Amino acid sequence: FKNSLHDYQNIDFILTTINTESTKEIPSLLVSAMFTEKDKIMVKKLMESL
């Protein structure tokens, strides 16, 4: 895990299975470890909003 946002400048968003502190610079989405259909829909919505 990198601690500097500079290390993540080429990332569009983060999918995570653990609750993390969100940053406004990089959107993140909490998904199930089993990646459900609901997660798929939420990822699609996130991608469309970028």
C-alpha atoms as a PDB file:
ATOM      1  CA  PHE A   1       0.000   0.000   0.000  1.00  0.00           C
ATOM      2  CA  LYS A   2       1.361   3.388  -0.970  1.00  0.00           C
ATOM      3  CA  ASN A   3       0.687   6.309   1.340  1.00  0.00           C
ATOM      4  CA  SER A   4       1.217   9.189  -1.063  1.00  0.00           C
ATOM      5  CA  LEU A   5      -1.521  10.330  -3.446  1.00  0.00           C
ATOM      6  CA  HIS A   6       1.250  11.207  -5.889  1.00  0.00           C
ATOM      7  CA  ASP A   7       1.906   7.453  -6.280  1.00  0.00           C
ATOM      8  CA  TYR A   8      -1.695   7.013  -7.473  1.00  0.00           C
ATOM      9  CA  GLN A   9      -1.975   9.829  -9.985  1.00  0.00           C
ATOM     10  CA  ASN A  10      -2.820   7.500 -12.914  1.00  0.00           C
ATOM     11  CA  ILE A  11      -5.671   5.721 -11.100  1.00  0.00           C
ATOM     12  CA  ASP A  12      -9.292   6.471 -12.052  1.00  0.00           C
ATOM     13  CA  PHE A  13     -10.931   4.901  -8.988  1.00  0.00           C
ATOM     14  CA  ILE A  14     -10.379   2.297  -6.273  1.00  0.00           C
ATOM     15  CA  LEU A  15     -12.508  -0.778  -5.639  1.00  0.00           C
ATOM     16  CA  THR A  16     -12.114  -1.966  -2.070  1.00  0.00           C
ATOM     17  CA  THR A  17     -13.530  -4.737   0.095  1.00  0.00           C
ATOM     18  CA  ILE A  18     -12.652  -2.971   3.352  1.00  0.00           C
ATOM     19  CA  ASN A  19     -13.917   0.318   4.716  1.00  0.00           C
ATOM     20  CA  THR A  20     -11.217   2.935   4.177  1.00  0.00           C
ATOM     21  CA  GLU A  21     -10.892   6.653   4.582  1.00  0.00           C
ATOM     22  CA  SER A  22     -12.101   8.101   1.327  1.00  0.00           C
ATOM     23  CA  THR A  23     -10.204  10.803  -0.488  1.00  0.00           C
ATOM     24  CA  LYS A  24     -11.853  13.351  -2.703  1.00  0.00           C
ATOM     25  CA  GLU A  25      -8.999  13.145  -5.184  1.00  0.00           C
ATOM     26  CA  ILE A  26      -9.547   9.454  -5.953  1.00  0.00           C
ATOM     27  CA  PRO A  27     -13.086   8.042  -5.916  1.00  0.00           C
ATOM     28  CA  SER A  28     -13.464   4.698  -4.161  1.00  0.00           C
ATOM     29  CA  LEU A  29     -16.235   2.152  -3.983  1.00  0.00           C
ATOM     30  CA  LEU A  30     -16.798  -0.446  -1.272  1.00  0.00           C
ATOM     31  CA  VAL A  31     -17.769  -3.775  -2.855  1.00  0.00           C
ATOM     32  CA  SER A  32     -18.452  -7.250  -1.525  1.00  0.00           C
ATOM     33  CA  ALA A  33     -15.596  -9.760  -1.505  1.00  0.00           C
ATOM     34  CA  MET A  34     -17.972 -12.033  -3.442  1.00  0.00           C
ATOM     35  CA  PHE A  35     -18.666  -9.241  -6.009  1.00  0.00           C
ATOM     36  CA  THR A  36     -22.427  -9.361  -6.371  1.00  0.00           C
ATOM     37  CA  GLU A  37     -24.679  -8.141  -9.164  1.00  0.00           C
ATOM     38  CA  LYS A  38     -25.372  -5.068  -7.015  1.00  0.00           C
ATOM     39  CA  ASP A  39     -21.617  -4.365  -6.930  1.00  0.00           C
ATOM     40  CA  LYS A  40     -21.476  -4.669 -10.719  1.00  0.00           C
ATOM     41  CA  ILE A  41     -24.253  -2.086 -11.069  1.00  0.00           C
ATOM     42  CA  MET A  42     -22.548   0.285  -8.625  1.00  0.00           C
ATOM     43  CA  VAL A  43     -19.234   0.001 -10.507  1.00  0.00           C
ATOM     44  CA  LYS A  44     -20.990   0.706 -13.797  1.00  0.00           C
ATOM     45  CA  LYS A  45     -22.630   3.822 -12.319  1.00  0.00           C
ATOM     46  CA  LEU A  46     -19.301   5.002 -10.922  1.00  0.00           C
ATOM     47  CA  MET A  47     -17.582   4.536 -14.285  1.00  0.00           C
ATOM     48  CA  GLU A  48     -20.353   6.410 -16.099  1.00  0.00           C
ATOM     49  CA  SER A  49     -20.027   9.329 -13.695  1.00  0.00           C
ATOM     50  CA  LEU A  50     -16.306   9.802 -14.358  1.00  0.00           C
END
